[in-house]
Structure formats: C-alpha cells, structure tokens
C-alpha cells in the first residue's frame, strides 16, 4: 500500500534549525562541564504532565551533543517524577567513546527533585543502516491517511494538548475506543507526523515511540493518564521523508502496570525504531 504524501512544511528549514516547534521545544543550552539547561514547554503534555517521549527527546539532545555523534542508537530512561512545564537541569557524563558508539549517562533534576535517569548510546545511523539482512515482520496494514481517524484531544477525562502539535491518524479498527467501542485487542496502529510538517529525524523517533494512544485503551480498562515507568527505544535507521507507520501492542497487563512493544516504520516500509516500555494503568 502506498503511504500518503508527506505534509508540506509550514516553516522552511531542516530539523535542528529551530524553524519548527519541536526543535524550539527540545533546545538545550550548554553550560559547560557536561551540564545543560533544558525546558519542558507547555503543550507537549497529557493532563499537564509532559509526554515521556518528548522529555526523552529533550534530554537526548544534550546527550547527543555530549557524545559528539549525530544520532541516538539506544536509549533507556527511568522516569522518577512527573514533568510539568519548567526548567530542567541535565548533567551528562561520557562513559566511553569508541569508533562506532559513544555511551553517555544523563541525570535530570527539576525543581530540586530527580526526574529522569537515562543511559544511551550514540553513533552515525547513516552508515550501514540500509542493509536489511533478515526481517520477520511487516509494517502495519494501514489505510490511507484520509481513511484513518484523528486521535482525540482527550484520554477520557484527561486533555491531550500535544495533539495540537502532531498529526496522529488511527486505524479505524483501533480508534473505536474514542467512542466507547473497544476492539478487545491490546493494539493501536496509526500514522504519525508533525502538524507543522517538520521532517522526522532520529531524534524525533524518540518522541514518536511514545506518541500514539496506549494499547491498553482497546481493552476493558479505564482511560486516562498512563505514566511511563521505563522506556527503551532502539533507533534502527534514518527515516525516509513522509509520515511514520506505527504499531503498539501489549501482551501482559498485570497488577497496576503493563508492558507495551512498539514498531515504527518509515514511508518506504523500513523499520526505523523499536520500543518497549513499562507503564502504569490509569487510575480510576
């Protein structure tokens, strides 16, 4: 199936030039000595708390700069506290620098409290990422963009302001939960792009890996804010131009938490990111 055409850019410029809102909202300031200042901007949140993938992208910009490498390869983040808008103090340390990868840690403090702890490897995704030696799996079978359902601006009683900044269109079979009709499958599939047409690079993949509705919304469970406890993202390549095709699913809902596995494919049908997270169920 042919993907829909990429949205035209509303503002000229490439990723990282601050011409697009995502770049401005993930910018960091180098304070020297491995320390950076970042900012959680309003409007990238769910019910007042910043989306976990967005926060990870902010911190990854600081880690990427410290690493001296252009692209994230793998990042594992442990979320220690919610993230309302405000200033972030990011302390990075380069654990090891090699020919292919640089490994970096980052600790994030907000309002005097530890908020996030991240371990990541950075490299150059332009080298060898096109070679697919073996693949078991295909992109999600998505209808064209015009036939998919926009993600709602609320999760039950919780507002999702970040939907003003992104364009998420859900597979019709997975979008019924928005009207109270759940599929009974722990799966959500859909298209992802930025509302202002920003091209999607490897940094934006970190956000995309957490931008669709939680897969548990299609199960007989309450909707609401689903806090991330831990999120790991493996970046597998540089996306081709155009919207991303995403599939997120859960197999194990136990106690007050669930795991969610994600696949992110580009417009050319290439796998560009994998994710797994542990998240808490919405409170009733």
C-alpha atoms as a PDB file:
ATOM      1  CA  UNK A   1       0.000   0.000   0.000  1.00  0.00           C
ATOM      2  CA  UNK A   2       1.326   3.423  -0.904  1.00  0.00           C
ATOM      3  CA  UNK A   3       1.698   5.821   2.053  1.00  0.00           C
ATOM      4  CA  UNK A   4       0.048   9.228   1.929  1.00  0.00           C
ATOM      5  CA  UNK A   5       2.233  12.089   0.738  1.00  0.00           C
ATOM      6  CA  UNK A   6       4.298  13.940   3.299  1.00  0.00           C
ATOM      7  CA  UNK A   7       2.745  17.114   4.618  1.00  0.00           C
ATOM      8  CA  UNK A   8       4.223  20.318   3.254  1.00  0.00           C
ATOM      9  CA  UNK A   9       6.420  22.187   5.689  1.00  0.00           C
ATOM     10  CA  UNK A  10       4.699  25.245   7.127  1.00  0.00           C
ATOM     11  CA  UNK A  11       8.048  26.793   8.044  1.00  0.00           C
ATOM     12  CA  UNK A  12      11.197  26.476   5.913  1.00  0.00           C
ATOM     13  CA  UNK A  13      14.219  24.765   7.441  1.00  0.00           C
ATOM     14  CA  UNK A  14      15.637  21.379   8.348  1.00  0.00           C
ATOM     15  CA  UNK A  15      15.478  19.534  11.686  1.00  0.00           C
ATOM     16  CA  UNK A  16      17.612  21.197  14.320  1.00  0.00           C
ATOM     17  CA  UNK A  17      17.410  24.713  12.844  1.00  0.00           C
ATOM     18  CA  UNK A  18      14.726  25.922  15.313  1.00  0.00           C
ATOM     19  CA  UNK A  19      12.452  26.614  12.323  1.00  0.00           C
ATOM     20  CA  UNK A  20       9.975  24.074  13.708  1.00  0.00           C
ATOM     21  CA  UNK A  21       8.257  23.940  17.066  1.00  0.00           C
ATOM     22  CA  UNK A  22       9.693  20.545  18.052  1.00  0.00           C
ATOM     23  CA  UNK A  23      13.223  21.918  17.620  1.00  0.00           C
ATOM     24  CA  UNK A  24      12.493  25.019  19.653  1.00  0.00           C
ATOM     25  CA  UNK A  25      10.774  22.958  22.346  1.00  0.00           C
ATOM     26  CA  UNK A  26      13.664  20.496  22.716  1.00  0.00           C
ATOM     27  CA  UNK A  27      16.502  23.035  22.598  1.00  0.00           C
ATOM     28  CA  UNK A  28      19.186  22.864  25.299  1.00  0.00           C
ATOM     29  CA  UNK A  29      21.868  25.294  26.440  1.00  0.00           C
ATOM     30  CA  UNK A  30      25.425  24.065  27.072  1.00  0.00           C
ATOM     31  CA  UNK A  31      26.543  25.321  30.489  1.00  0.00           C
ATOM     32  CA  UNK A  32      29.939  23.614  30.343  1.00  0.00           C
ATOM     33  CA  UNK A  33      31.338  20.654  32.234  1.00  0.00           C
ATOM     34  CA  UNK A  34      28.718  18.264  30.852  1.00  0.00           C
ATOM     35  CA  UNK A  35      25.853  20.336  32.229  1.00  0.00           C
ATOM     36  CA  UNK A  36      22.949  21.546  30.122  1.00  0.00           C
ATOM     37  CA  UNK A  37      19.785  23.518  30.711  1.00  0.00           C
ATOM     38  CA  UNK A  38      16.585  22.407  29.011  1.00  0.00           C
ATOM     39  CA  UNK A  39      12.954  23.342  29.222  1.00  0.00           C
ATOM     40  CA  UNK A  40       9.686  21.437  29.281  1.00  0.00           C
ATOM     41  CA  UNK A  41       7.489  23.662  27.146  1.00  0.00           C
ATOM     42  CA  UNK A  42       3.717  23.844  27.590  1.00  0.00           C
ATOM     43  CA  UNK A  43       1.622  21.999  25.057  1.00  0.00           C
ATOM     44  CA  UNK A  44       3.596  18.734  24.839  1.00  0.00           C
ATOM     45  CA  UNK A  45       1.663  17.209  27.697  1.00  0.00           C
ATOM     46  CA  UNK A  46      -1.102  14.855  28.703  1.00  0.00           C
ATOM     47  CA  UNK A  47      -3.147  16.287  31.528  1.00  0.00           C
ATOM     48  CA  UNK A  48      -0.431  18.790  32.484  1.00  0.00           C
ATOM     49  CA  UNK A  49       2.466  16.308  32.540  1.00  0.00           C
ATOM     50  CA  UNK A  50       4.862  16.195  29.589  1.00  0.00           C
ATOM     51  CA  UNK A  51       4.778  13.185  27.291  1.00  0.00           C
ATOM     52  CA  UNK A  52       7.604  10.782  28.157  1.00  0.00           C
ATOM     53  CA  UNK A  53       8.921  10.565  24.600  1.00  0.00           C
ATOM     54  CA  UNK A  54       9.062  14.354  24.330  1.00  0.00           C
ATOM     55  CA  UNK A  55      11.036  14.646  27.581  1.00  0.00           C
ATOM     56  CA  UNK A  56      13.390  11.909  26.383  1.00  0.00           C
ATOM     57  CA  UNK A  57      13.999  13.885  23.169  1.00  0.00           C
ATOM     58  CA  UNK A  58      14.959  16.986  25.199  1.00  0.00           C
ATOM     59  CA  UNK A  59      17.458  15.040  27.281  1.00  0.00           C
ATOM     60  CA  UNK A  60      18.754  13.144  24.235  1.00  0.00           C
ATOM     61  CA  UNK A  61      19.677  16.451  22.578  1.00  0.00           C
ATOM     62  CA  UNK A  62      22.000  17.199  25.473  1.00  0.00           C
ATOM     63  CA  UNK A  63      23.378  13.644  25.462  1.00  0.00           C
ATOM     64  CA  UNK A  64      23.887  13.752  21.692  1.00  0.00           C
ATOM     65  CA  UNK A  65      25.872  16.971  21.986  1.00  0.00           C
ATOM     66  CA  UNK A  66      27.995  15.492  24.758  1.00  0.00           C
ATOM     67  CA  UNK A  67      28.600  12.312  22.735  1.00  0.00           C
ATOM     68  CA  UNK A  68      29.955  14.012  19.623  1.00  0.00           C
ATOM     69  CA  UNK A  69      27.872  11.589  17.500  1.00  0.00           C
ATOM     70  CA  UNK A  70      24.924  12.590  15.282  1.00  0.00           C
ATOM     71  CA  UNK A  71      22.282  10.004  16.154  1.00  0.00           C
ATOM     72  CA  UNK A  72      20.768   8.127  19.109  1.00  0.00           C
ATOM     73  CA  UNK A  73      21.142   4.357  18.770  1.00  0.00           C
ATOM     74  CA  UNK A  74      19.624   3.071  22.001  1.00  0.00           C
ATOM     75  CA  UNK A  75      18.234   4.938  24.996  1.00  0.00           C
ATOM     76  CA  UNK A  76      16.811   3.626  28.253  1.00  0.00           C
ATOM     77  CA  UNK A  77      15.044   6.112  30.511  1.00  0.00           C
ATOM     78  CA  UNK A  78      13.699   5.656  34.027  1.00  0.00           C
ATOM     79  CA  UNK A  79      11.049   8.227  34.947  1.00  0.00           C
ATOM     80  CA  UNK A  80      11.303   9.253  38.595  1.00  0.00           C
ATOM     81  CA  UNK A  81       8.727  12.055  38.739  1.00  0.00           C
ATOM     82  CA  UNK A  82       6.083  13.704  36.508  1.00  0.00           C
ATOM     83  CA  UNK A  83       7.148  16.584  34.246  1.00  0.00           C
ATOM     84  CA  UNK A  84       5.027  19.737  34.270  1.00  0.00           C
ATOM     85  CA  UNK A  85       6.398  22.756  32.348  1.00  0.00           C
ATOM     86  CA  UNK A  86       9.597  24.262  33.687  1.00  0.00           C
ATOM     87  CA  UNK A  87      13.384  24.264  33.613  1.00  0.00           C
ATOM     88  CA  UNK A  88      15.449  21.081  33.527  1.00  0.00           C
ATOM     89  CA  UNK A  89      18.975  20.701  34.860  1.00  0.00           C
ATOM     90  CA  UNK A  90      20.676  17.985  32.809  1.00  0.00           C
ATOM     91  CA  UNK A  91      24.014  16.524  33.912  1.00  0.00           C
ATOM     92  CA  UNK A  92      25.745  14.268  31.396  1.00  0.00           C
ATOM     93  CA  UNK A  93      28.806  12.047  31.577  1.00  0.00           C
ATOM     94  CA  UNK A  94      30.511  10.247  28.693  1.00  0.00           C
ATOM     95  CA  UNK A  95      31.154   6.698  29.887  1.00  0.00           C
ATOM     96  CA  UNK A  96      33.067   5.550  26.813  1.00  0.00           C
ATOM     97  CA  UNK A  97      33.833   6.844  23.331  1.00  0.00           C
ATOM     98  CA  UNK A  98      34.620   4.327  20.578  1.00  0.00           C
ATOM     99  CA  UNK A  99      34.845   4.335  16.800  1.00  0.00           C
ATOM    100  CA  UNK A 100      31.185   3.371  16.370  1.00  0.00           C
ATOM    101  CA  UNK A 101      29.427   4.372  19.564  1.00  0.00           C
ATOM    102  CA  UNK A 102      29.686   6.800  22.438  1.00  0.00           C
ATOM    103  CA  UNK A 103      27.922   5.794  25.655  1.00  0.00           C
ATOM    104  CA  UNK A 104      26.500   8.623  27.767  1.00  0.00           C
ATOM    105  CA  UNK A 105      24.559   8.865  31.013  1.00  0.00           C
ATOM    106  CA  UNK A 106      22.281  11.734  31.987  1.00  0.00           C
ATOM    107  CA  UNK A 107      20.591  12.719  35.207  1.00  0.00           C
ATOM    108  CA  UNK A 108      17.749  15.227  35.109  1.00  0.00           C
ATOM    109  CA  UNK A 109      16.682  17.417  38.025  1.00  0.00           C
ATOM    110  CA  UNK A 110      13.613  19.668  38.017  1.00  0.00           C
ATOM    111  CA  UNK A 111      12.700  21.989  40.877  1.00  0.00           C
ATOM    112  CA  UNK A 112      15.361  20.340  43.020  1.00  0.00           C
ATOM    113  CA  UNK A 113      13.956  16.811  42.531  1.00  0.00           C
ATOM    114  CA  UNK A 114      15.403  13.972  40.431  1.00  0.00           C
ATOM    115  CA  UNK A 115      13.065  13.493  37.477  1.00  0.00           C
ATOM    116  CA  UNK A 116      14.753  11.217  34.959  1.00  0.00           C
ATOM    117  CA  UNK A 117      17.790   8.957  34.637  1.00  0.00           C
ATOM    118  CA  UNK A 118      18.954   7.935  31.150  1.00  0.00           C
ATOM    119  CA  UNK A 119      21.629   5.672  29.666  1.00  0.00           C
ATOM    120  CA  UNK A 120      22.234   5.914  25.933  1.00  0.00           C
ATOM    121  CA  UNK A 121      24.496   5.011  23.049  1.00  0.00           C
ATOM    122  CA  UNK A 122      25.004   7.379  20.109  1.00  0.00           C
ATOM    123  CA  UNK A 123      26.504   6.781  16.677  1.00  0.00           C
ATOM    124  CA  UNK A 124      26.052   7.502  12.976  1.00  0.00           C
ATOM    125  CA  UNK A 125      22.880   5.931  11.586  1.00  0.00           C
ATOM    126  CA  UNK A 126      23.839   6.782   8.011  1.00  0.00           C
ATOM    127  CA  UNK A 127      26.462   4.027   7.992  1.00  0.00           C
ATOM    128  CA  UNK A 128      25.106   0.572   7.159  1.00  0.00           C
ATOM    129  CA  UNK A 129      21.560   1.187   8.343  1.00  0.00           C
ATOM    130  CA  UNK A 130      20.156   0.488   4.859  1.00  0.00           C
ATOM    131  CA  UNK A 131      21.348  -3.145   4.922  1.00  0.00           C
ATOM    132  CA  UNK A 132      18.493  -5.493   5.911  1.00  0.00           C
ATOM    133  CA  UNK A 133      19.967  -8.969   6.320  1.00  0.00           C
ATOM    134  CA  UNK A 134      16.891 -10.660   7.798  1.00  0.00           C
ATOM    135  CA  UNK A 135      13.394  -9.499   8.623  1.00  0.00           C
ATOM    136  CA  UNK A 136      10.406 -11.277  10.133  1.00  0.00           C
ATOM    137  CA  UNK A 137       7.574  -8.807  10.115  1.00  0.00           C
ATOM    138  CA  UNK A 138       5.977  -6.103   8.011  1.00  0.00           C
ATOM    139  CA  UNK A 139       4.693  -2.558   8.529  1.00  0.00           C
ATOM    140  CA  UNK A 140       1.167  -2.288   9.928  1.00  0.00           C
ATOM    141  CA  UNK A 141      -1.527  -2.618   7.277  1.00  0.00           C
ATOM    142  CA  UNK A 142      -2.837   0.931   7.436  1.00  0.00           C
ATOM    143  CA  UNK A 143      -5.484   2.506   5.216  1.00  0.00           C
ATOM    144  CA  UNK A 144      -4.556   5.791   3.508  1.00  0.00           C
ATOM    145  CA  UNK A 145      -4.310   8.809   5.776  1.00  0.00           C
ATOM    146  CA  UNK A 146      -7.686  10.203   4.709  1.00  0.00           C
ATOM    147  CA  UNK A 147      -9.419   6.990   5.777  1.00  0.00           C
ATOM    148  CA  UNK A 148      -7.880   6.937   9.260  1.00  0.00           C
ATOM    149  CA  UNK A 149      -9.308   8.558  12.391  1.00  0.00           C
ATOM    150  CA  UNK A 150      -7.575  11.527  14.092  1.00  0.00           C
ATOM    151  CA  UNK A 151      -6.529  10.840  17.652  1.00  0.00           C
ATOM    152  CA  UNK A 152      -8.820  12.699  20.020  1.00  0.00           C
ATOM    153  CA  UNK A 153      -7.635  15.646  22.104  1.00  0.00           C
ATOM    154  CA  UNK A 154      -8.566  13.822  25.307  1.00  0.00           C
ATOM    155  CA  UNK A 155      -7.994  10.478  27.033  1.00  0.00           C
ATOM    156  CA  UNK A 156     -11.324  10.055  28.723  1.00  0.00           C
ATOM    157  CA  UNK A 157     -11.418  12.961  31.182  1.00  0.00           C
ATOM    158  CA  UNK A 158      -7.745  13.922  30.601  1.00  0.00           C
ATOM    159  CA  UNK A 159      -6.835  16.558  27.991  1.00  0.00           C
ATOM    160  CA  UNK A 160      -4.035  15.822  25.483  1.00  0.00           C
ATOM    161  CA  UNK A 161      -2.708  19.253  24.390  1.00  0.00           C
ATOM    162  CA  UNK A 162       0.196  17.687  22.449  1.00  0.00           C
ATOM    163  CA  UNK A 163      -2.333  16.756  19.756  1.00  0.00           C
ATOM    164  CA  UNK A 164      -2.203  20.394  18.617  1.00  0.00           C
ATOM    165  CA  UNK A 165       1.423  19.787  17.619  1.00  0.00           C
ATOM    166  CA  UNK A 166       1.276  16.375  15.985  1.00  0.00           C
ATOM    167  CA  UNK A 167      -0.931  14.599  13.472  1.00  0.00           C
ATOM    168  CA  UNK A 168      -1.812  11.063  14.590  1.00  0.00           C
ATOM    169  CA  UNK A 169      -4.333   9.157  12.470  1.00  0.00           C
ATOM    170  CA  UNK A 170      -5.517   5.819  13.843  1.00  0.00           C
ATOM    171  CA  UNK A 171      -6.545   2.659  12.027  1.00  0.00           C
ATOM    172  CA  UNK A 172     -10.370   2.641  12.032  1.00  0.00           C
ATOM    173  CA  UNK A 173     -10.357  -0.796  13.690  1.00  0.00           C
ATOM    174  CA  UNK A 174      -8.317   0.619  16.596  1.00  0.00           C
ATOM    175  CA  UNK A 175      -9.994   4.012  17.045  1.00  0.00           C
ATOM    176  CA  UNK A 176     -13.398   2.889  18.312  1.00  0.00           C
ATOM    177  CA  UNK A 177     -12.336   3.277  21.954  1.00  0.00           C
ATOM    178  CA  UNK A 178     -12.699   7.044  21.451  1.00  0.00           C
ATOM    179  CA  UNK A 179     -16.457   6.458  21.124  1.00  0.00           C
ATOM    180  CA  UNK A 180     -16.559   3.816  23.839  1.00  0.00           C
ATOM    181  CA  UNK A 181     -16.313   0.856  21.435  1.00  0.00           C
ATOM    182  CA  UNK A 182     -13.168  -1.114  22.237  1.00  0.00           C
ATOM    183  CA  UNK A 183     -11.699  -3.738  19.925  1.00  0.00           C
ATOM    184  CA  UNK A 184     -10.717  -6.089  22.757  1.00  0.00           C
ATOM    185  CA  UNK A 185      -7.199  -6.340  21.313  1.00  0.00           C
ATOM    186  CA  UNK A 186      -4.267  -4.718  23.083  1.00  0.00           C
ATOM    187  CA  UNK A 187      -3.144  -2.968  19.909  1.00  0.00           C
ATOM    188  CA  UNK A 188      -3.102   0.508  18.368  1.00  0.00           C
ATOM    189  CA  UNK A 189      -1.912   1.274  14.825  1.00  0.00           C
ATOM    190  CA  UNK A 190      -1.626   4.607  13.089  1.00  0.00           C
ATOM    191  CA  UNK A 191       0.225   7.264  11.120  1.00  0.00           C
ATOM    192  CA  UNK A 192       2.450   9.855  12.844  1.00  0.00           C
ATOM    193  CA  UNK A 193       3.741  13.203  11.604  1.00  0.00           C
ATOM    194  CA  UNK A 194       4.252  16.734  12.935  1.00  0.00           C
ATOM    195  CA  UNK A 195       1.425  19.227  12.470  1.00  0.00           C
ATOM    196  CA  UNK A 196       3.827  21.858  11.107  1.00  0.00           C
ATOM    197  CA  UNK A 197       5.358  19.440   8.605  1.00  0.00           C
ATOM    198  CA  UNK A 198       8.715  19.087  10.364  1.00  0.00           C
ATOM    199  CA  UNK A 199      10.801  16.322   8.755  1.00  0.00           C
ATOM    200  CA  UNK A 200      11.244  13.310  11.028  1.00  0.00           C
ATOM    201  CA  UNK A 201      14.831  12.571  12.030  1.00  0.00           C
ATOM    202  CA  UNK A 202      16.342  10.127  14.512  1.00  0.00           C
ATOM    203  CA  UNK A 203      15.732  12.472  17.458  1.00  0.00           C
ATOM    204  CA  UNK A 204      12.034  12.766  16.597  1.00  0.00           C
ATOM    205  CA  UNK A 205      11.763   8.956  16.555  1.00  0.00           C
ATOM    206  CA  UNK A 206      12.177   9.038  20.345  1.00  0.00           C
ATOM    207  CA  UNK A 207       9.021  11.124  20.615  1.00  0.00           C
ATOM    208  CA  UNK A 208       7.117   9.112  18.004  1.00  0.00           C
ATOM    209  CA  UNK A 209       7.801   5.956  20.016  1.00  0.00           C
ATOM    210  CA  UNK A 210       5.502   7.302  22.758  1.00  0.00           C
ATOM    211  CA  UNK A 211       3.025   9.456  20.821  1.00  0.00           C
ATOM    212  CA  UNK A 212       0.169   7.087  19.966  1.00  0.00           C
ATOM    213  CA  UNK A 213      -2.584   6.187  22.445  1.00  0.00           C
ATOM    214  CA  UNK A 214      -1.648   3.404  24.887  1.00  0.00           C
ATOM    215  CA  UNK A 215      -2.506  -0.057  23.547  1.00  0.00           C
ATOM    216  CA  UNK A 216      -4.494  -0.820  26.728  1.00  0.00           C
ATOM    217  CA  UNK A 217      -7.139   1.706  25.673  1.00  0.00           C
ATOM    218  CA  UNK A 218      -8.645  -1.023  23.495  1.00  0.00           C
ATOM    219  CA  UNK A 219      -9.015  -3.369  26.472  1.00  0.00           C
ATOM    220  CA  UNK A 220     -11.727  -3.305  29.128  1.00  0.00           C
ATOM    221  CA  UNK A 221      -9.775  -0.884  31.287  1.00  0.00           C
ATOM    222  CA  UNK A 222     -10.247   2.786  32.238  1.00  0.00           C
ATOM    223  CA  UNK A 223      -8.707   5.523  30.087  1.00  0.00           C
ATOM    224  CA  UNK A 224      -6.677   8.393  31.475  1.00  0.00           C
ATOM    225  CA  UNK A 225      -3.084   9.406  32.091  1.00  0.00           C
ATOM    226  CA  UNK A 226      -0.808   6.356  31.735  1.00  0.00           C
ATOM    227  CA  UNK A 227       2.552   7.267  33.380  1.00  0.00           C
ATOM    228  CA  UNK A 228       5.701   5.715  31.921  1.00  0.00           C
ATOM    229  CA  UNK A 229       7.966   3.973  34.439  1.00  0.00           C
ATOM    230  CA  UNK A 230      10.688   2.930  31.980  1.00  0.00           C
ATOM    231  CA  UNK A 231      11.065   3.453  28.233  1.00  0.00           C
ATOM    232  CA  UNK A 232      13.666   1.933  25.926  1.00  0.00           C
ATOM    233  CA  UNK A 233      13.978   2.980  22.289  1.00  0.00           C
ATOM    234  CA  UNK A 234      16.227   1.344  19.682  1.00  0.00           C
ATOM    235  CA  UNK A 235      16.762   3.587  16.654  1.00  0.00           C
ATOM    236  CA  UNK A 236      17.382   1.381  13.620  1.00  0.00           C
ATOM    237  CA  UNK A 237      17.711   3.905  10.801  1.00  0.00           C
ATOM    238  CA  UNK A 238      17.154   7.386   9.423  1.00  0.00           C
ATOM    239  CA  UNK A 239      13.524   7.734   8.274  1.00  0.00           C
ATOM    240  CA  UNK A 240      12.652   8.407   4.657  1.00  0.00           C
ATOM    241  CA  UNK A 241      10.623  11.601   4.111  1.00  0.00           C
ATOM    242  CA  UNK A 242       6.961  11.294   4.961  1.00  0.00           C
ATOM    243  CA  UNK A 243       4.772  10.133   7.842  1.00  0.00           C
ATOM    244  CA  UNK A 244       5.636   7.180  10.034  1.00  0.00           C
ATOM    245  CA  UNK A 245       3.641   3.966  10.265  1.00  0.00           C
ATOM    246  CA  UNK A 246       3.342   2.746  13.864  1.00  0.00           C
ATOM    247  CA  UNK A 247       2.132  -0.318  15.703  1.00  0.00           C
ATOM    248  CA  UNK A 248       1.969  -0.596  19.505  1.00  0.00           C
ATOM    249  CA  UNK A 249       0.750  -3.650  21.383  1.00  0.00           C
ATOM    250  CA  UNK A 250       0.605  -5.125  24.864  1.00  0.00           C
ATOM    251  CA  UNK A 251       0.539  -8.784  25.861  1.00  0.00           C
ATOM    252  CA  UNK A 252       0.819  -8.615  29.637  1.00  0.00           C
ATOM    253  CA  UNK A 253      -1.350  -6.473  31.896  1.00  0.00           C
ATOM    254  CA  UNK A 254      -0.601  -7.435  35.466  1.00  0.00           C
ATOM    255  CA  UNK A 255      -1.297  -5.711  38.750  1.00  0.00           C
ATOM    256  CA  UNK A 256      -1.240  -1.971  38.146  1.00  0.00           C
ATOM    257  CA  UNK A 257       1.112  -1.992  35.143  1.00  0.00           C
ATOM    258  CA  UNK A 258       1.594  -3.256  31.590  1.00  0.00           C
ATOM    259  CA  UNK A 259       4.319  -3.606  29.013  1.00  0.00           C
ATOM    260  CA  UNK A 260       3.981  -2.086  25.561  1.00  0.00           C
ATOM    261  CA  UNK A 261       6.017  -3.004  22.480  1.00  0.00           C
ATOM    262  CA  UNK A 262       6.302  -0.583  19.586  1.00  0.00           C
ATOM    263  CA  UNK A 263       7.351  -0.744  15.950  1.00  0.00           C
ATOM    264  CA  UNK A 264       7.957   2.424  13.933  1.00  0.00           C
ATOM    265  CA  UNK A 265       8.277   2.136  10.132  1.00  0.00           C
ATOM    266  CA  UNK A 266       9.037   4.909   7.657  1.00  0.00           C
ATOM    267  CA  UNK A 267       7.126   5.818   4.489  1.00  0.00           C
ATOM    268  CA  UNK A 268       9.353   3.476   2.452  1.00  0.00           C
ATOM    269  CA  UNK A 269       8.369   0.488   4.587  1.00  0.00           C
ATOM    270  CA  UNK A 270      11.661   0.285   6.506  1.00  0.00           C
ATOM    271  CA  UNK A 271      11.794  -0.371  10.237  1.00  0.00           C
ATOM    272  CA  UNK A 272      13.362   2.712  11.843  1.00  0.00           C
ATOM    273  CA  UNK A 273      12.691   2.221  15.571  1.00  0.00           C
ATOM    274  CA  UNK A 274      11.637  -0.350  18.151  1.00  0.00           C
ATOM    275  CA  UNK A 275      10.453   0.454  21.648  1.00  0.00           C
ATOM    276  CA  UNK A 276       9.407  -1.207  24.860  1.00  0.00           C
ATOM    277  CA  UNK A 277       8.055   0.451  27.948  1.00  0.00           C
ATOM    278  CA  UNK A 278       6.624  -0.378  31.338  1.00  0.00           C
ATOM    279  CA  UNK A 279       3.744   1.901  32.234  1.00  0.00           C
ATOM    280  CA  UNK A 280       1.158   2.234  34.974  1.00  0.00           C
ATOM    281  CA  UNK A 281      -2.526   1.771  34.296  1.00  0.00           C
ATOM    282  CA  UNK A 282      -4.737   4.828  34.502  1.00  0.00           C
ATOM    283  CA  UNK A 283      -6.256   5.356  37.918  1.00  0.00           C
ATOM    284  CA  UNK A 284      -9.993   5.099  38.244  1.00  0.00           C
END
